[in-house]
Amino acid sequence: MSLTRHRSAGYMTNWAARLFARMIDRKLKPLGLSSGNLPVFFALADGGSRTQKELALGAGIEQPTMAATLNRMDRDGLIVREKDSNDRRITHIRLSKAALARADEIKTIVDQVNETALSDLNSLERRVFMEALGKVTATLSQADDPSEP
């Protein structure tokens, strides 16, 4: 049996993800942030709120990992937790004003890293790549748990 990493879609995707995360982490570090915060920023940058469960499901992250991320973000003043007015057992999470103020800067950093990563692709290759990646993630998500959207 011969294993060739350059011919493994899973290996290459994981490698690319690690490289993306490393570059984004390096650029977010001066802001006191990391790529681990991004799923929460992506979900809440519109100013809305979500429950921890909704955030974990939307990001494809296990509940304990999301809980740890939210605890760190709470400690750093990046999120606000609010009890539901109708059901006090439910807590809604939203970005703090300070975090929302950083959203444009974070978006710029993410856009810069994406541009760097895709810089050797022309517009057609970029579109095909993103469409193919969308299909791959949808297929894997469905195969992993058919009840997930």
C-alpha atoms as a PDB file:
ATOM      1  CA  MET A   1       0.000   0.000   0.000  1.00  0.00           C
ATOM      2  CA  SER A   2       1.224   3.456  -0.884  1.00  0.00           C
ATOM      3  CA  LEU A   3       0.016   6.584   0.875  1.00  0.00           C
ATOM      4  CA  THR A   4       0.589   9.813  -1.007  1.00  0.00           C
ATOM      5  CA  ARG A   5      -0.552  12.890   0.851  1.00  0.00           C
ATOM      6  CA  HIS A   6      -0.837  15.007  -2.298  1.00  0.00           C
ATOM      7  CA  ARG A   7      -3.431  12.562  -3.638  1.00  0.00           C
ATOM      8  CA  SER A   8      -5.534  12.472  -0.472  1.00  0.00           C
ATOM      9  CA  ALA A   9      -8.363  15.027  -0.487  1.00  0.00           C
ATOM     10  CA  GLY A  10      -8.730  14.665   3.283  1.00  0.00           C
ATOM     11  CA  TYR A  11      -5.039  15.160   4.004  1.00  0.00           C
ATOM     12  CA  MET A  12      -4.704  18.132   1.658  1.00  0.00           C
ATOM     13  CA  THR A  13      -7.851  19.782   3.017  1.00  0.00           C
ATOM     14  CA  ASN A  14      -6.655  19.310   6.590  1.00  0.00           C
ATOM     15  CA  TRP A  15      -3.207  20.640   5.696  1.00  0.00           C
ATOM     16  CA  ALA A  16      -4.747  23.706   4.041  1.00  0.00           C
ATOM     17  CA  ALA A  17      -6.971  24.267   7.085  1.00  0.00           C
ATOM     18  CA  ARG A  18      -3.957  24.152   9.405  1.00  0.00           C
ATOM     19  CA  LEU A  19      -2.107  26.647   7.214  1.00  0.00           C
ATOM     20  CA  PHE A  20      -5.145  28.958   7.123  1.00  0.00           C
ATOM     21  CA  ALA A  21      -5.480  28.762  10.918  1.00  0.00           C
ATOM     22  CA  ARG A  22      -1.771  29.418  11.481  1.00  0.00           C
ATOM     23  CA  MET A  23      -1.770  32.521   9.268  1.00  0.00           C
ATOM     24  CA  ILE A  24      -5.036  33.845  10.722  1.00  0.00           C
ATOM     25  CA  ASP A  25      -3.792  33.188  14.271  1.00  0.00           C
ATOM     26  CA  ARG A  26      -0.622  35.147  13.554  1.00  0.00           C
ATOM     27  CA  LYS A  27      -2.637  38.117  12.276  1.00  0.00           C
ATOM     28  CA  LEU A  28      -5.287  37.975  15.029  1.00  0.00           C
ATOM     29  CA  LYS A  29      -2.793  37.618  17.899  1.00  0.00           C
ATOM     30  CA  PRO A  30      -2.154  41.390  18.189  1.00  0.00           C
ATOM     31  CA  LEU A  31      -5.921  41.796  18.729  1.00  0.00           C
ATOM     32  CA  GLY A  32      -5.906  39.198  21.515  1.00  0.00           C
ATOM     33  CA  LEU A  33      -7.901  36.789  19.337  1.00  0.00           C
ATOM     34  CA  SER A  34      -7.380  33.454  17.633  1.00  0.00           C
ATOM     35  CA  SER A  35      -8.933  31.452  14.822  1.00  0.00           C
ATOM     36  CA  GLY A  36     -10.837  29.525  17.505  1.00  0.00           C
ATOM     37  CA  ASN A  37     -12.948  32.644  18.066  1.00  0.00           C
ATOM     38  CA  LEU A  38     -13.966  32.917  14.421  1.00  0.00           C
ATOM     39  CA  PRO A  39     -16.967  30.551  14.443  1.00  0.00           C
ATOM     40  CA  VAL A  40     -18.549  32.733  17.127  1.00  0.00           C
ATOM     41  CA  PHE A  41     -17.702  35.941  15.263  1.00  0.00           C
ATOM     42  CA  PHE A  42     -19.071  34.524  11.992  1.00  0.00           C
ATOM     43  CA  ALA A  43     -22.326  33.530  13.708  1.00  0.00           C
ATOM     44  CA  LEU A  44     -22.830  36.713  15.722  1.00  0.00           C
ATOM     45  CA  ALA A  45     -21.232  39.533  13.700  1.00  0.00           C
ATOM     46  CA  ASP A  46     -24.679  40.554  12.457  1.00  0.00           C
ATOM     47  CA  GLY A  47     -25.443  41.733  15.999  1.00  0.00           C
ATOM     48  CA  GLY A  48     -27.842  38.871  16.683  1.00  0.00           C
ATOM     49  CA  SER A  49     -27.738  36.296  19.427  1.00  0.00           C
ATOM     50  CA  ARG A  50     -27.672  32.502  19.571  1.00  0.00           C
ATOM     51  CA  THR A  51     -27.669  29.859  22.268  1.00  0.00           C
ATOM     52  CA  GLN A  52     -24.544  27.844  22.961  1.00  0.00           C
ATOM     53  CA  LYS A  53     -26.204  24.828  21.368  1.00  0.00           C
ATOM     54  CA  GLU A  54     -27.046  26.797  18.218  1.00  0.00           C
ATOM     55  CA  LEU A  55     -23.479  28.088  18.009  1.00  0.00           C
ATOM     56  CA  ALA A  56     -21.998  24.603  18.444  1.00  0.00           C
ATOM     57  CA  LEU A  57     -24.305  23.059  15.845  1.00  0.00           C
ATOM     58  CA  GLY A  58     -23.748  25.870  13.352  1.00  0.00           C
ATOM     59  CA  ALA A  59     -19.983  25.632  13.663  1.00  0.00           C
ATOM     60  CA  GLY A  60     -19.844  21.835  13.745  1.00  0.00           C
ATOM     61  CA  ILE A  61     -18.061  22.019  17.095  1.00  0.00           C
ATOM     62  CA  GLU A  62     -18.664  19.771  20.090  1.00  0.00           C
ATOM     63  CA  GLN A  63     -20.536  21.384  23.005  1.00  0.00           C
ATOM     64  CA  PRO A  64     -17.583  21.164  25.459  1.00  0.00           C
ATOM     65  CA  THR A  65     -15.278  22.871  22.945  1.00  0.00           C
ATOM     66  CA  MET A  66     -17.835  25.617  22.320  1.00  0.00           C
ATOM     67  CA  ALA A  67     -18.341  26.028  26.075  1.00  0.00           C
ATOM     68  CA  ALA A  68     -14.583  26.482  26.586  1.00  0.00           C
ATOM     69  CA  THR A  69     -14.388  28.952  23.689  1.00  0.00           C
ATOM     70  CA  LEU A  70     -17.309  30.962  25.060  1.00  0.00           C
ATOM     71  CA  ASN A  71     -15.820  30.967  28.569  1.00  0.00           C
ATOM     72  CA  ARG A  72     -12.557  32.397  27.212  1.00  0.00           C
ATOM     73  CA  MET A  73     -14.439  34.958  25.132  1.00  0.00           C
ATOM     74  CA  ASP A  74     -16.545  35.914  28.161  1.00  0.00           C
ATOM     75  CA  ARG A  75     -13.383  36.305  30.269  1.00  0.00           C
ATOM     76  CA  ASP A  76     -11.919  38.556  27.549  1.00  0.00           C
ATOM     77  CA  GLY A  77     -15.071  40.702  27.324  1.00  0.00           C
ATOM     78  CA  LEU A  78     -15.920  39.557  23.797  1.00  0.00           C
ATOM     79  CA  ILE A  79     -19.397  38.173  24.462  1.00  0.00           C
ATOM     80  CA  VAL A  80     -22.409  38.987  26.594  1.00  0.00           C
ATOM     81  CA  ARG A  81     -24.657  36.278  28.020  1.00  0.00           C
ATOM     82  CA  GLU A  82     -28.325  37.119  28.581  1.00  0.00           C
ATOM     83  CA  LYS A  83     -31.051  34.968  30.103  1.00  0.00           C
ATOM     84  CA  ASP A  84     -34.119  34.429  27.922  1.00  0.00           C
ATOM     85  CA  SER A  85     -36.998  36.566  29.173  1.00  0.00           C
ATOM     86  CA  ASN A  86     -39.485  33.714  28.694  1.00  0.00           C
ATOM     87  CA  ASP A  87     -37.346  30.767  29.825  1.00  0.00           C
ATOM     88  CA  ARG A  88     -34.600  31.556  32.348  1.00  0.00           C
ATOM     89  CA  ARG A  89     -32.938  28.193  31.608  1.00  0.00           C
ATOM     90  CA  ILE A  90     -31.961  29.482  28.165  1.00  0.00           C
ATOM     91  CA  THR A  91     -29.002  31.817  27.750  1.00  0.00           C
ATOM     92  CA  HIS A  92     -28.526  33.896  24.619  1.00  0.00           C
ATOM     93  CA  ILE A  93     -25.030  34.890  23.591  1.00  0.00           C
ATOM     94  CA  ARG A  94     -24.132  37.950  21.579  1.00  0.00           C
ATOM     95  CA  LEU A  95     -20.930  39.780  20.805  1.00  0.00           C
ATOM     96  CA  SER A  96     -20.058  42.614  23.155  1.00  0.00           C
ATOM     97  CA  LYS A  97     -19.821  46.166  21.836  1.00  0.00           C
ATOM     98  CA  ALA A  98     -16.033  45.878  22.003  1.00  0.00           C
ATOM     99  CA  ALA A  99     -16.091  42.686  19.919  1.00  0.00           C
ATOM    100  CA  LEU A 100     -18.526  44.145  17.383  1.00  0.00           C
ATOM    101  CA  ALA A 101     -16.169  47.110  17.022  1.00  0.00           C
ATOM    102  CA  ARG A 102     -13.444  44.645  15.967  1.00  0.00           C
ATOM    103  CA  ALA A 103     -15.645  42.811  13.440  1.00  0.00           C
ATOM    104  CA  ASP A 104     -14.526  44.896  10.451  1.00  0.00           C
ATOM    105  CA  GLU A 105     -10.868  44.438  11.364  1.00  0.00           C
ATOM    106  CA  ILE A 106     -11.377  40.683  11.756  1.00  0.00           C
ATOM    107  CA  LYS A 107     -13.181  40.524   8.410  1.00  0.00           C
ATOM    108  CA  THR A 108     -10.272  42.367   6.776  1.00  0.00           C
ATOM    109  CA  ILE A 109      -7.776  39.873   8.228  1.00  0.00           C
ATOM    110  CA  VAL A 110      -9.840  36.872   7.109  1.00  0.00           C
ATOM    111  CA  ASP A 111     -10.282  38.408   3.649  1.00  0.00           C
ATOM    112  CA  GLN A 112      -6.523  39.043   3.370  1.00  0.00           C
ATOM    113  CA  VAL A 113      -5.692  35.450   4.280  1.00  0.00           C
ATOM    114  CA  ASN A 114      -8.288  34.126   1.844  1.00  0.00           C
ATOM    115  CA  GLU A 115      -6.911  36.381  -0.882  1.00  0.00           C
ATOM    116  CA  THR A 116      -3.382  35.157  -0.210  1.00  0.00           C
ATOM    117  CA  ALA A 117      -4.509  31.528  -0.288  1.00  0.00           C
ATOM    118  CA  LEU A 118      -6.401  31.935  -3.548  1.00  0.00           C
ATOM    119  CA  SER A 119      -4.028  34.366  -5.233  1.00  0.00           C
ATOM    120  CA  ASP A 120      -2.721  31.802  -7.742  1.00  0.00           C
ATOM    121  CA  LEU A 121      -6.262  30.940  -8.902  1.00  0.00           C
ATOM    122  CA  ASN A 122      -8.097  32.897 -11.579  1.00  0.00           C
ATOM    123  CA  SER A 123     -11.744  33.890 -11.044  1.00  0.00           C
ATOM    124  CA  LEU A 124     -13.110  30.728 -12.697  1.00  0.00           C
ATOM    125  CA  GLU A 125     -10.803  28.492 -10.634  1.00  0.00           C
ATOM    126  CA  ARG A 126     -11.865  30.310  -7.451  1.00  0.00           C
ATOM    127  CA  ARG A 127     -15.552  29.849  -8.234  1.00  0.00           C
ATOM    128  CA  VAL A 128     -15.099  26.171  -9.113  1.00  0.00           C
ATOM    129  CA  PHE A 129     -12.963  25.595  -6.007  1.00  0.00           C
ATOM    130  CA  MET A 130     -15.539  27.180  -3.681  1.00  0.00           C
ATOM    131  CA  GLU A 131     -18.431  25.315  -5.323  1.00  0.00           C
ATOM    132  CA  ALA A 132     -16.552  22.012  -5.100  1.00  0.00           C
ATOM    133  CA  LEU A 133     -15.581  22.666  -1.484  1.00  0.00           C
ATOM    134  CA  GLY A 134     -19.219  23.443  -0.688  1.00  0.00           C
ATOM    135  CA  LYS A 135     -20.297  20.147  -2.246  1.00  0.00           C
ATOM    136  CA  VAL A 136     -17.622  18.204  -0.373  1.00  0.00           C
ATOM    137  CA  THR A 137     -18.571  19.706   3.000  1.00  0.00           C
ATOM    138  CA  ALA A 138     -22.282  19.145   2.343  1.00  0.00           C
ATOM    139  CA  THR A 139     -21.655  15.521   1.350  1.00  0.00           C
ATOM    140  CA  LEU A 140     -19.476  14.835   4.382  1.00  0.00           C
ATOM    141  CA  SER A 141     -21.921  16.560   6.713  1.00  0.00           C
ATOM    142  CA  GLN A 142     -24.791  14.468   5.361  1.00  0.00           C
ATOM    143  CA  ALA A 143     -22.769  11.241   5.487  1.00  0.00           C
ATOM    144  CA  ASP A 144     -21.636  11.959   9.039  1.00  0.00           C
ATOM    145  CA  ASP A 145     -25.128  12.702  10.362  1.00  0.00           C
ATOM    146  CA  PRO A 146     -28.074  12.511   7.950  1.00  0.00           C
ATOM    147  CA  SER A 147     -30.245  14.475  10.410  1.00  0.00           C
ATOM    148  CA  GLU A 148     -28.038  17.580  10.081  1.00  0.00           C
ATOM    149  CA  PRO A 149     -28.825  20.169   7.376  1.00  0.00           C
END
